[in-house]
Amino acid sequence: MMRKGLFTASVGMLLLASSALVQAKDFGTLKFATEAAYPPFNQSTPNGKIVGYEPDMVAEIAKRAGFKYEIVAQKWSGMIPGLVDGKYDAVIDAVTVTPKREEVVDFSRQYTVSVSGFVTLKGSAVDTLPGNGEVVLADDEAAMTKSIDALKAKFKGKTIAVQVATIQADFLNKYLADVATIRTYQAGPETFADLLNGRVDAVMASRTNLNAYVKKHADTVNSTGYGFSGGVLGQGSAIAIQKNNPELKAALDSALNSMIKDGTLKQLSEKWFGENVAPKE
């Protein structure tokens, strides 16, 4: 009787597993777009391989969600429009969740917590910015007024570089365009190149991106001043997907939630950023 009971239980488990597999969505091969030029989130090696925090993350998501995938390099400025037009299934490029973007695409749950800041040249007129690393939240009106006024005094007549169509560009245009020249670039590395060449006085980007750059150029540049989060800067990075695809969103969210819960996302974060920028459960 015991052997029969075990056999019956085993058959039941197999039927349940089989049922789950049948019910699982077959996504085919999903195409993820990225810039491949935004380290340490993503970058291209000399042999053309795309590596970084996000490629590692997608590989683990695919393993847990059970789908095949490919990652393709695209220009940032056309990435969201390309997703809307169906050229690919998802975007992984440190895309921050904002109300404006939520009008045209859906997002997975967040996989990083976002803070934006500045990098300047050592020894320049804006070598050290006010703020000493303090993070200011957009909903703190008193702190925002104080920090923006201090930056306006420092940046008056200066030029700030930023990548086009980014949340940082939105921030600069909203808060500092009345005192400084805001110069936009198609790709992040171009902003840093002009900083090193003295064509601009500062670069604004996410701190995770800035920290990776400063680490390689510590003798030349500073990560300095206030950091900002919230408001036009959004609430953190997530995977962008086409509207009305709840099954894909559920699969991505489930995998990300499990990676956050078991510490896998924290490990990837520390591997690529040297710190934990993963969100809490």
C-alpha atoms as a PDB file:
ATOM      1  CA  MET A   1       0.000   0.000   0.000  1.00  0.00           C
ATOM      2  CA  MET A   2       2.855   2.378   0.836  1.00  0.00           C
ATOM      3  CA  ARG A   3       4.565   1.633  -2.497  1.00  0.00           C
ATOM      4  CA  LYS A   4       1.264   2.237  -4.303  1.00  0.00           C
ATOM      5  CA  GLY A   5       0.785   5.502  -2.396  1.00  0.00           C
ATOM      6  CA  LEU A   6       4.275   6.678  -3.339  1.00  0.00           C
ATOM      7  CA  PHE A   7       3.640   5.755  -6.970  1.00  0.00           C
ATOM      8  CA  THR A   8       0.350   7.662  -6.979  1.00  0.00           C
ATOM      9  CA  ALA A   9       2.000  10.719  -5.418  1.00  0.00           C
ATOM     10  CA  SER A  10       4.842  10.614  -7.950  1.00  0.00           C
ATOM     11  CA  VAL A  11       2.400  10.425 -10.839  1.00  0.00           C
ATOM     12  CA  GLY A  12       0.500  13.364  -9.382  1.00  0.00           C
ATOM     13  CA  MET A  13       3.676  15.429  -9.130  1.00  0.00           C
ATOM     14  CA  LEU A  14       4.615  14.596 -12.710  1.00  0.00           C
ATOM     15  CA  LEU A  15       1.169  15.584 -13.917  1.00  0.00           C
ATOM     16  CA  LEU A  16       1.410  18.893 -12.063  1.00  0.00           C
ATOM     17  CA  ALA A  17       4.864  19.577 -13.520  1.00  0.00           C
ATOM     18  CA  SER A  18       3.634  18.647 -16.958  1.00  0.00           C
ATOM     19  CA  SER A  19       0.623  20.921 -16.558  1.00  0.00           C
ATOM     20  CA  ALA A  20       2.861  23.813 -15.481  1.00  0.00           C
ATOM     21  CA  LEU A  21       5.079  23.331 -18.525  1.00  0.00           C
ATOM     22  CA  VAL A  22       2.101  23.258 -20.854  1.00  0.00           C
ATOM     23  CA  GLN A  23       0.696  26.429 -19.295  1.00  0.00           C
ATOM     24  CA  ALA A  24       4.068  28.244 -19.414  1.00  0.00           C
ATOM     25  CA  LYS A  25       4.276  30.944 -22.065  1.00  0.00           C
ATOM     26  CA  ASP A  26       6.588  30.120 -24.971  1.00  0.00           C
ATOM     27  CA  PHE A  27       8.188  33.484 -25.756  1.00  0.00           C
ATOM     28  CA  GLY A  28      10.408  32.105 -28.502  1.00  0.00           C
ATOM     29  CA  THR A  29      13.706  34.031 -28.687  1.00  0.00           C
ATOM     30  CA  LEU A  30      13.352  37.460 -27.101  1.00  0.00           C
ATOM     31  CA  LYS A  31      15.390  40.347 -28.498  1.00  0.00           C
ATOM     32  CA  PHE A  32      16.797  42.780 -25.920  1.00  0.00           C
ATOM     33  CA  ALA A  33      18.167  46.144 -27.096  1.00  0.00           C
ATOM     34  CA  THR A  34      20.984  47.926 -25.286  1.00  0.00           C
ATOM     35  CA  GLU A  35      23.459  50.690 -26.026  1.00  0.00           C
ATOM     36  CA  ALA A  36      26.595  48.586 -25.429  1.00  0.00           C
ATOM     37  CA  ALA A  37      28.360  51.838 -24.515  1.00  0.00           C
ATOM     38  CA  TYR A  38      27.195  52.592 -20.969  1.00  0.00           C
ATOM     39  CA  PRO A  39      29.588  50.834 -18.573  1.00  0.00           C
ATOM     40  CA  PRO A  40      29.269  49.155 -16.193  1.00  0.00           C
ATOM     41  CA  PHE A  41      25.613  48.570 -17.127  1.00  0.00           C
ATOM     42  CA  ASN A  42      26.594  47.463 -20.630  1.00  0.00           C
ATOM     43  CA  GLN A  43      29.594  47.744 -22.949  1.00  0.00           C
ATOM     44  CA  SER A  44      31.067  46.125 -26.029  1.00  0.00           C
ATOM     45  CA  THR A  45      34.403  44.278 -25.909  1.00  0.00           C
ATOM     46  CA  PRO A  46      36.958  44.536 -28.756  1.00  0.00           C
ATOM     47  CA  ASN A  47      35.620  41.274 -30.218  1.00  0.00           C
ATOM     48  CA  GLY A  48      32.057  42.634 -30.238  1.00  0.00           C
ATOM     49  CA  LYS A  49      30.682  40.783 -27.220  1.00  0.00           C
ATOM     50  CA  ILE A  50      28.265  42.788 -25.060  1.00  0.00           C
ATOM     51  CA  VAL A  51      29.107  42.489 -21.368  1.00  0.00           C
ATOM     52  CA  GLY A  52      28.161  44.187 -18.114  1.00  0.00           C
ATOM     53  CA  TYR A  53      25.675  44.191 -15.268  1.00  0.00           C
ATOM     54  CA  GLU A  54      22.609  44.044 -17.502  1.00  0.00           C
ATOM     55  CA  PRO A  55      23.801  41.254 -19.851  1.00  0.00           C
ATOM     56  CA  ASP A  56      24.646  39.150 -16.770  1.00  0.00           C
ATOM     57  CA  MET A  57      21.268  39.976 -15.271  1.00  0.00           C
ATOM     58  CA  VAL A  58      19.349  39.044 -18.437  1.00  0.00           C
ATOM     59  CA  ALA A  59      21.226  35.743 -18.688  1.00  0.00           C
ATOM     60  CA  GLU A  60      20.066  34.858 -15.171  1.00  0.00           C
ATOM     61  CA  ILE A  61      16.506  36.055 -15.826  1.00  0.00           C
ATOM     62  CA  ALA A  62      16.313  33.909 -18.967  1.00  0.00           C
ATOM     63  CA  LYS A  63      17.531  30.881 -17.027  1.00  0.00           C
ATOM     64  CA  ARG A  64      14.889  31.334 -14.338  1.00  0.00           C
ATOM     65  CA  ALA A  65      12.037  32.302 -16.681  1.00  0.00           C
ATOM     66  CA  GLY A  66      12.907  29.642 -19.246  1.00  0.00           C
ATOM     67  CA  PHE A  67      13.244  31.667 -22.432  1.00  0.00           C
ATOM     68  CA  LYS A  68      15.919  32.103 -25.112  1.00  0.00           C
ATOM     69  CA  TYR A  69      17.223  35.568 -25.903  1.00  0.00           C
ATOM     70  CA  GLU A  70      19.649  37.710 -27.858  1.00  0.00           C
ATOM     71  CA  ILE A  71      21.061  41.154 -27.059  1.00  0.00           C
ATOM     72  CA  VAL A  72      21.515  43.709 -29.839  1.00  0.00           C
ATOM     73  CA  ALA A  73      23.288  47.093 -29.775  1.00  0.00           C
ATOM     74  CA  GLN A  74      21.197  50.151 -30.672  1.00  0.00           C
ATOM     75  CA  LYS A  75      21.596  53.928 -30.407  1.00  0.00           C
ATOM     76  CA  TRP A  76      20.056  55.283 -27.234  1.00  0.00           C
ATOM     77  CA  SER A  77      18.042  58.043 -28.903  1.00  0.00           C
ATOM     78  CA  GLY A  78      16.053  55.543 -30.995  1.00  0.00           C
ATOM     79  CA  MET A  79      15.736  52.790 -28.432  1.00  0.00           C
ATOM     80  CA  ILE A  80      12.303  53.519 -26.940  1.00  0.00           C
ATOM     81  CA  PRO A  81      10.769  54.373 -30.364  1.00  0.00           C
ATOM     82  CA  GLY A  82      12.226  51.119 -31.718  1.00  0.00           C
ATOM     83  CA  LEU A  83      10.643  49.173 -28.875  1.00  0.00           C
ATOM     84  CA  VAL A  84       7.269  50.810 -29.521  1.00  0.00           C
ATOM     85  CA  ASP A  85       7.593  49.928 -33.231  1.00  0.00           C
ATOM     86  CA  GLY A  86       8.265  46.272 -32.385  1.00  0.00           C
ATOM     87  CA  LYS A  87      11.897  46.102 -33.547  1.00  0.00           C
ATOM     88  CA  TYR A  88      12.727  44.266 -30.324  1.00  0.00           C
ATOM     89  CA  ASP A  89      10.928  42.875 -27.287  1.00  0.00           C
ATOM     90  CA  ALA A  90      12.636  44.736 -24.456  1.00  0.00           C
ATOM     91  CA  VAL A  91      15.200  47.413 -23.622  1.00  0.00           C
ATOM     92  CA  ILE A  92      17.932  46.990 -20.990  1.00  0.00           C
ATOM     93  CA  ASP A  93      19.937  50.214 -20.837  1.00  0.00           C
ATOM     94  CA  ALA A  94      19.584  51.691 -17.351  1.00  0.00           C
ATOM     95  CA  VAL A  95      16.156  52.979 -18.406  1.00  0.00           C
ATOM     96  CA  THR A  96      14.676  54.921 -15.517  1.00  0.00           C
ATOM     97  CA  VAL A  97      10.968  54.597 -14.822  1.00  0.00           C
ATOM     98  CA  THR A  98       9.266  57.973 -15.306  1.00  0.00           C
ATOM     99  CA  PRO A  99       5.599  58.917 -15.819  1.00  0.00           C
ATOM    100  CA  LYS A 100       6.428  60.238 -19.301  1.00  0.00           C
ATOM    101  CA  ARG A 101       7.948  56.919 -20.386  1.00  0.00           C
ATOM    102  CA  GLU A 102       5.123  54.937 -18.794  1.00  0.00           C
ATOM    103  CA  GLU A 103       2.785  56.596 -21.286  1.00  0.00           C
ATOM    104  CA  VAL A 104       4.386  54.665 -24.179  1.00  0.00           C
ATOM    105  CA  VAL A 105       5.963  51.527 -22.650  1.00  0.00           C
ATOM    106  CA  ASP A 106       5.522  49.213 -19.679  1.00  0.00           C
ATOM    107  CA  PHE A 107       8.243  48.338 -17.175  1.00  0.00           C
ATOM    108  CA  SER A 108       9.345  45.365 -15.139  1.00  0.00           C
ATOM    109  CA  ARG A 109       9.956  45.892 -11.455  1.00  0.00           C
ATOM    110  CA  GLN A 110      13.059  47.989 -10.788  1.00  0.00           C
ATOM    111  CA  TYR A 111      16.484  46.372 -10.661  1.00  0.00           C
ATOM    112  CA  THR A 112      18.571  49.370  -9.512  1.00  0.00           C
ATOM    113  CA  VAL A 113      18.051  52.332  -7.230  1.00  0.00           C
ATOM    114  CA  SER A 114      18.980  55.514  -9.098  1.00  0.00           C
ATOM    115  CA  VAL A 115      20.941  58.632  -8.074  1.00  0.00           C
ATOM    116  CA  SER A 116      22.289  61.170 -10.585  1.00  0.00           C
ATOM    117  CA  GLY A 117      25.279  63.459 -10.084  1.00  0.00           C
ATOM    118  CA  PHE A 118      28.207  65.294 -11.644  1.00  0.00           C
ATOM    119  CA  VAL A 119      31.782  64.680 -12.727  1.00  0.00           C
ATOM    120  CA  THR A 120      34.259  67.546 -13.165  1.00  0.00           C
ATOM    121  CA  LEU A 121      37.925  67.968 -14.120  1.00  0.00           C
ATOM    122  CA  LYS A 122      40.391  68.198 -11.256  1.00  0.00           C
ATOM    123  CA  GLY A 123      41.951  71.642 -11.033  1.00  0.00           C
ATOM    124  CA  SER A 124      39.193  73.305 -13.065  1.00  0.00           C
ATOM    125  CA  ALA A 125      37.007  76.252 -12.023  1.00  0.00           C
ATOM    126  CA  VAL A 126      34.303  73.775 -10.966  1.00  0.00           C
ATOM    127  CA  ASP A 127      36.697  71.188  -9.544  1.00  0.00           C
ATOM    128  CA  THR A 128      34.652  70.763  -6.358  1.00  0.00           C
ATOM    129  CA  LEU A 129      30.908  71.318  -6.394  1.00  0.00           C
ATOM    130  CA  PRO A 130      28.784  72.074  -3.300  1.00  0.00           C
ATOM    131  CA  GLY A 131      27.045  69.185  -1.612  1.00  0.00           C
ATOM    132  CA  ASN A 132      29.807  66.772  -0.625  1.00  0.00           C
ATOM    133  CA  GLY A 133      27.934  63.734  -1.971  1.00  0.00           C
ATOM    134  CA  GLU A 134      24.639  64.452  -0.164  1.00  0.00           C
ATOM    135  CA  VAL A 135      21.613  62.935  -1.943  1.00  0.00           C
ATOM    136  CA  VAL A 136      18.674  65.313  -2.373  1.00  0.00           C
ATOM    137  CA  LEU A 137      15.172  63.956  -2.998  1.00  0.00           C
ATOM    138  CA  ALA A 138      12.972  65.890  -5.419  1.00  0.00           C
ATOM    139  CA  ASP A 139      10.018  65.985  -3.011  1.00  0.00           C
ATOM    140  CA  ASP A 140      12.113  67.825  -0.392  1.00  0.00           C
ATOM    141  CA  GLU A 141      11.415  71.369  -1.589  1.00  0.00           C
ATOM    142  CA  ALA A 142      13.670  73.135   0.927  1.00  0.00           C
ATOM    143  CA  ALA A 143      16.653  70.881   0.150  1.00  0.00           C
ATOM    144  CA  MET A 144      16.061  71.206  -3.612  1.00  0.00           C
ATOM    145  CA  THR A 145      15.960  75.012  -3.426  1.00  0.00           C
ATOM    146  CA  LYS A 146      19.148  75.137  -1.369  1.00  0.00           C
ATOM    147  CA  SER A 147      21.077  72.676  -3.555  1.00  0.00           C
ATOM    148  CA  ILE A 148      19.970  74.126  -6.916  1.00  0.00           C
ATOM    149  CA  ASP A 149      20.781  77.687  -5.820  1.00  0.00           C
ATOM    150  CA  ALA A 150      24.260  76.552  -4.764  1.00  0.00           C
ATOM    151  CA  LEU A 151      24.816  74.793  -8.104  1.00  0.00           C
ATOM    152  CA  LYS A 152      23.557  77.785 -10.072  1.00  0.00           C
ATOM    153  CA  ALA A 153      26.178  79.985  -8.451  1.00  0.00           C
ATOM    154  CA  LYS A 154      28.896  77.490  -9.356  1.00  0.00           C
ATOM    155  CA  PHE A 155      27.710  76.735 -12.911  1.00  0.00           C
ATOM    156  CA  LYS A 156      26.917  80.308 -14.027  1.00  0.00           C
ATOM    157  CA  GLY A 157      28.367  80.769 -17.515  1.00  0.00           C
ATOM    158  CA  LYS A 158      29.626  77.165 -17.626  1.00  0.00           C
ATOM    159  CA  THR A 159      28.806  74.263 -19.972  1.00  0.00           C
ATOM    160  CA  ILE A 160      27.396  70.942 -18.780  1.00  0.00           C
ATOM    161  CA  ALA A 161      27.464  67.830 -20.987  1.00  0.00           C
ATOM    162  CA  VAL A 162      24.694  65.245 -20.921  1.00  0.00           C
ATOM    163  CA  GLN A 163      23.420  62.436 -23.102  1.00  0.00           C
ATOM    164  CA  VAL A 164      20.411  63.389 -25.215  1.00  0.00           C
ATOM    165  CA  ALA A 165      16.888  62.181 -24.328  1.00  0.00           C
ATOM    166  CA  THR A 166      17.872  61.186 -20.783  1.00  0.00           C
ATOM    167  CA  ILE A 167      16.374  61.993 -17.411  1.00  0.00           C
ATOM    168  CA  GLN A 168      19.555  63.944 -16.603  1.00  0.00           C
ATOM    169  CA  ALA A 169      18.951  66.143 -19.676  1.00  0.00           C
ATOM    170  CA  ASP A 170      15.419  66.765 -18.398  1.00  0.00           C
ATOM    171  CA  PHE A 171      16.810  67.699 -14.980  1.00  0.00           C
ATOM    172  CA  LEU A 172      19.389  70.135 -16.373  1.00  0.00           C
ATOM    173  CA  ASN A 173      16.872  71.809 -18.668  1.00  0.00           C
ATOM    174  CA  LYS A 174      14.461  72.234 -15.781  1.00  0.00           C
ATOM    175  CA  TYR A 175      16.860  73.490 -13.115  1.00  0.00           C
ATOM    176  CA  LEU A 176      20.093  74.863 -14.603  1.00  0.00           C
ATOM    177  CA  ALA A 177      19.460  75.908 -18.227  1.00  0.00           C
ATOM    178  CA  ASP A 178      18.890  79.535 -17.163  1.00  0.00           C
ATOM    179  CA  VAL A 179      22.496  79.901 -15.972  1.00  0.00           C
ATOM    180  CA  ALA A 180      24.509  77.250 -17.861  1.00  0.00           C
ATOM    181  CA  THR A 181      24.793  75.955 -21.420  1.00  0.00           C
ATOM    182  CA  ILE A 182      23.395  72.416 -21.632  1.00  0.00           C
ATOM    183  CA  ARG A 183      25.183  70.509 -24.412  1.00  0.00           C
ATOM    184  CA  THR A 184      23.676  67.181 -25.474  1.00  0.00           C
ATOM    185  CA  TYR A 185      25.420  64.172 -27.035  1.00  0.00           C
ATOM    186  CA  GLN A 186      24.202  61.034 -28.767  1.00  0.00           C
ATOM    187  CA  ALA A 187      26.319  58.693 -26.616  1.00  0.00           C
ATOM    188  CA  GLY A 188      27.583  58.780 -23.039  1.00  0.00           C
ATOM    189  CA  PRO A 189      31.304  58.309 -23.864  1.00  0.00           C
ATOM    190  CA  GLU A 190      31.191  61.485 -26.015  1.00  0.00           C
ATOM    191  CA  THR A 191      30.315  63.561 -22.930  1.00  0.00           C
ATOM    192  CA  PHE A 192      33.366  62.289 -21.059  1.00  0.00           C
ATOM    193  CA  ALA A 193      35.644  62.808 -24.077  1.00  0.00           C
ATOM    194  CA  ASP A 194      34.695  66.488 -24.251  1.00  0.00           C
ATOM    195  CA  LEU A 195      35.176  66.845 -20.495  1.00  0.00           C
ATOM    196  CA  LEU A 196      38.731  65.511 -20.759  1.00  0.00           C
ATOM    197  CA  ASN A 197      39.392  67.800 -23.733  1.00  0.00           C
ATOM    198  CA  GLY A 198      38.185  70.842 -21.797  1.00  0.00           C
ATOM    199  CA  ARG A 199      35.221  71.551 -24.094  1.00  0.00           C
ATOM    200  CA  VAL A 200      32.738  71.275 -21.222  1.00  0.00           C
ATOM    201  CA  ASP A 201      32.982  71.954 -17.505  1.00  0.00           C
ATOM    202  CA  ALA A 202      31.001  69.008 -16.134  1.00  0.00           C
ATOM    203  CA  VAL A 203      29.091  65.866 -17.075  1.00  0.00           C
ATOM    204  CA  MET A 204      25.811  64.794 -15.494  1.00  0.00           C
ATOM    205  CA  ALA A 205      24.799  61.119 -15.509  1.00  0.00           C
ATOM    206  CA  SER A 206      23.774  58.343 -13.129  1.00  0.00           C
ATOM    207  CA  ARG A 207      26.242  57.900 -10.292  1.00  0.00           C
ATOM    208  CA  THR A 208      26.692  54.228 -11.093  1.00  0.00           C
ATOM    209  CA  ASN A 209      27.914  55.205 -14.559  1.00  0.00           C
ATOM    210  CA  LEU A 210      29.993  58.100 -13.229  1.00  0.00           C
ATOM    211  CA  ASN A 211      31.666  55.989 -10.564  1.00  0.00           C
ATOM    212  CA  ALA A 212      32.855  53.485 -13.159  1.00  0.00           C
ATOM    213  CA  TYR A 213      34.366  56.304 -15.221  1.00  0.00           C
ATOM    214  CA  VAL A 214      36.013  58.025 -12.239  1.00  0.00           C
ATOM    215  CA  LYS A 215      37.561  54.738 -11.162  1.00  0.00           C
ATOM    216  CA  LYS A 216      39.416  54.551 -14.500  1.00  0.00           C
ATOM    217  CA  HIS A 217      40.377  58.246 -14.542  1.00  0.00           C
ATOM    218  CA  ALA A 218      40.901  58.999 -10.844  1.00  0.00           C
ATOM    219  CA  ASP A 219      43.929  61.228 -11.536  1.00  0.00           C
ATOM    220  CA  THR A 220      41.947  63.481 -13.869  1.00  0.00           C
ATOM    221  CA  VAL A 221      38.304  63.755 -12.756  1.00  0.00           C
ATOM    222  CA  ASN A 222      36.128  64.025  -9.640  1.00  0.00           C
ATOM    223  CA  SER A 223      32.686  62.733  -8.778  1.00  0.00           C
ATOM    224  CA  THR A 224      31.515  65.732  -6.811  1.00  0.00           C
ATOM    225  CA  GLY A 225      28.590  67.689  -5.454  1.00  0.00           C
ATOM    226  CA  TYR A 226      24.995  66.838  -4.654  1.00  0.00           C
ATOM    227  CA  GLY A 227      23.298  63.704  -5.913  1.00  0.00           C
ATOM    228  CA  PHE A 228      19.646  63.871  -6.950  1.00  0.00           C
ATOM    229  CA  SER A 229      16.826  61.325  -7.052  1.00  0.00           C
ATOM    230  CA  GLY A 230      13.113  61.353  -7.803  1.00  0.00           C
ATOM    231  CA  GLY A 231      11.023  63.891  -9.685  1.00  0.00           C
ATOM    232  CA  VAL A 232      12.085  64.123 -13.342  1.00  0.00           C
ATOM    233  CA  LEU A 233      14.896  61.692 -12.477  1.00  0.00           C
ATOM    234  CA  GLY A 234      12.413  58.891 -11.789  1.00  0.00           C
ATOM    235  CA  GLN A 235      12.676  56.121  -9.234  1.00  0.00           C
ATOM    236  CA  GLY A 236      15.194  53.590 -10.581  1.00  0.00           C
ATOM    237  CA  SER A 237      16.050  51.448 -13.610  1.00  0.00           C
ATOM    238  CA  ALA A 238      13.795  48.717 -15.004  1.00  0.00           C
ATOM    239  CA  ILE A 239      13.361  46.647 -18.157  1.00  0.00           C
ATOM    240  CA  ALA A 240      11.193  48.440 -20.712  1.00  0.00           C
ATOM    241  CA  ILE A 241       8.746  46.300 -22.689  1.00  0.00           C
ATOM    242  CA  GLN A 242       5.923  46.955 -25.131  1.00  0.00           C
ATOM    243  CA  LYS A 243       2.518  47.912 -23.778  1.00  0.00           C
ATOM    244  CA  ASN A 244      -0.063  45.196 -23.089  1.00  0.00           C
ATOM    245  CA  ASN A 245       2.273  42.242 -22.615  1.00  0.00           C
ATOM    246  CA  PRO A 246       1.355  41.100 -19.078  1.00  0.00           C
ATOM    247  CA  GLU A 247       2.791  37.599 -19.503  1.00  0.00           C
ATOM    248  CA  LEU A 248       6.275  38.880 -20.287  1.00  0.00           C
ATOM    249  CA  LYS A 249       6.100  41.408 -17.463  1.00  0.00           C
ATOM    250  CA  ALA A 250       5.042  38.683 -15.029  1.00  0.00           C
ATOM    251  CA  ALA A 251       7.911  36.421 -16.138  1.00  0.00           C
ATOM    252  CA  LEU A 252      10.486  39.227 -15.782  1.00  0.00           C
ATOM    253  CA  ASP A 253       9.108  40.368 -12.427  1.00  0.00           C
ATOM    254  CA  SER A 254       9.059  36.841 -11.018  1.00  0.00           C
ATOM    255  CA  ALA A 255      12.681  36.229 -12.013  1.00  0.00           C
ATOM    256  CA  LEU A 256      13.853  39.606 -10.688  1.00  0.00           C
ATOM    257  CA  ASN A 257      11.983  39.147  -7.409  1.00  0.00           C
ATOM    258  CA  SER A 258      13.645  35.769  -6.869  1.00  0.00           C
ATOM    259  CA  MET A 259      17.069  37.248  -7.716  1.00  0.00           C
ATOM    260  CA  ILE A 260      16.556  40.044  -5.196  1.00  0.00           C
ATOM    261  CA  LYS A 261      15.298  37.625  -2.532  1.00  0.00           C
ATOM    262  CA  ASP A 262      18.180  35.142  -2.831  1.00  0.00           C
ATOM    263  CA  GLY A 263      20.879  37.826  -3.167  1.00  0.00           C
ATOM    264  CA  THR A 264      21.839  37.099  -6.785  1.00  0.00           C
ATOM    265  CA  LEU A 265      21.128  40.676  -7.925  1.00  0.00           C
ATOM    266  CA  LYS A 266      23.162  42.034  -5.005  1.00  0.00           C
ATOM    267  CA  GLN A 267      26.109  39.853  -6.055  1.00  0.00           C
ATOM    268  CA  LEU A 268      25.904  41.064  -9.664  1.00  0.00           C
ATOM    269  CA  SER A 269      25.640  44.648  -8.450  1.00  0.00           C
ATOM    270  CA  GLU A 270      28.748  44.343  -6.292  1.00  0.00           C
ATOM    271  CA  LYS A 271      30.613  42.612  -9.121  1.00  0.00           C
ATOM    272  CA  TRP A 272      30.023  45.420 -11.621  1.00  0.00           C
ATOM    273  CA  PHE A 273      29.574  48.545  -9.460  1.00  0.00           C
ATOM    274  CA  GLY A 274      31.604  47.741  -6.380  1.00  0.00           C
ATOM    275  CA  GLU A 275      28.527  48.458  -4.259  1.00  0.00           C
ATOM    276  CA  ASN A 276      24.968  47.233  -3.822  1.00  0.00           C
ATOM    277  CA  VAL A 277      22.535  49.274  -5.934  1.00  0.00           C
ATOM    278  CA  ALA A 278      19.877  46.543  -6.038  1.00  0.00           C
ATOM    279  CA  PRO A 279      16.455  47.446  -4.591  1.00  0.00           C
ATOM    280  CA  LYS A 280      15.069  45.858  -1.458  1.00  0.00           C
ATOM    281  CA  GLU A 281      12.331  43.199  -1.641  1.00  0.00           C
END
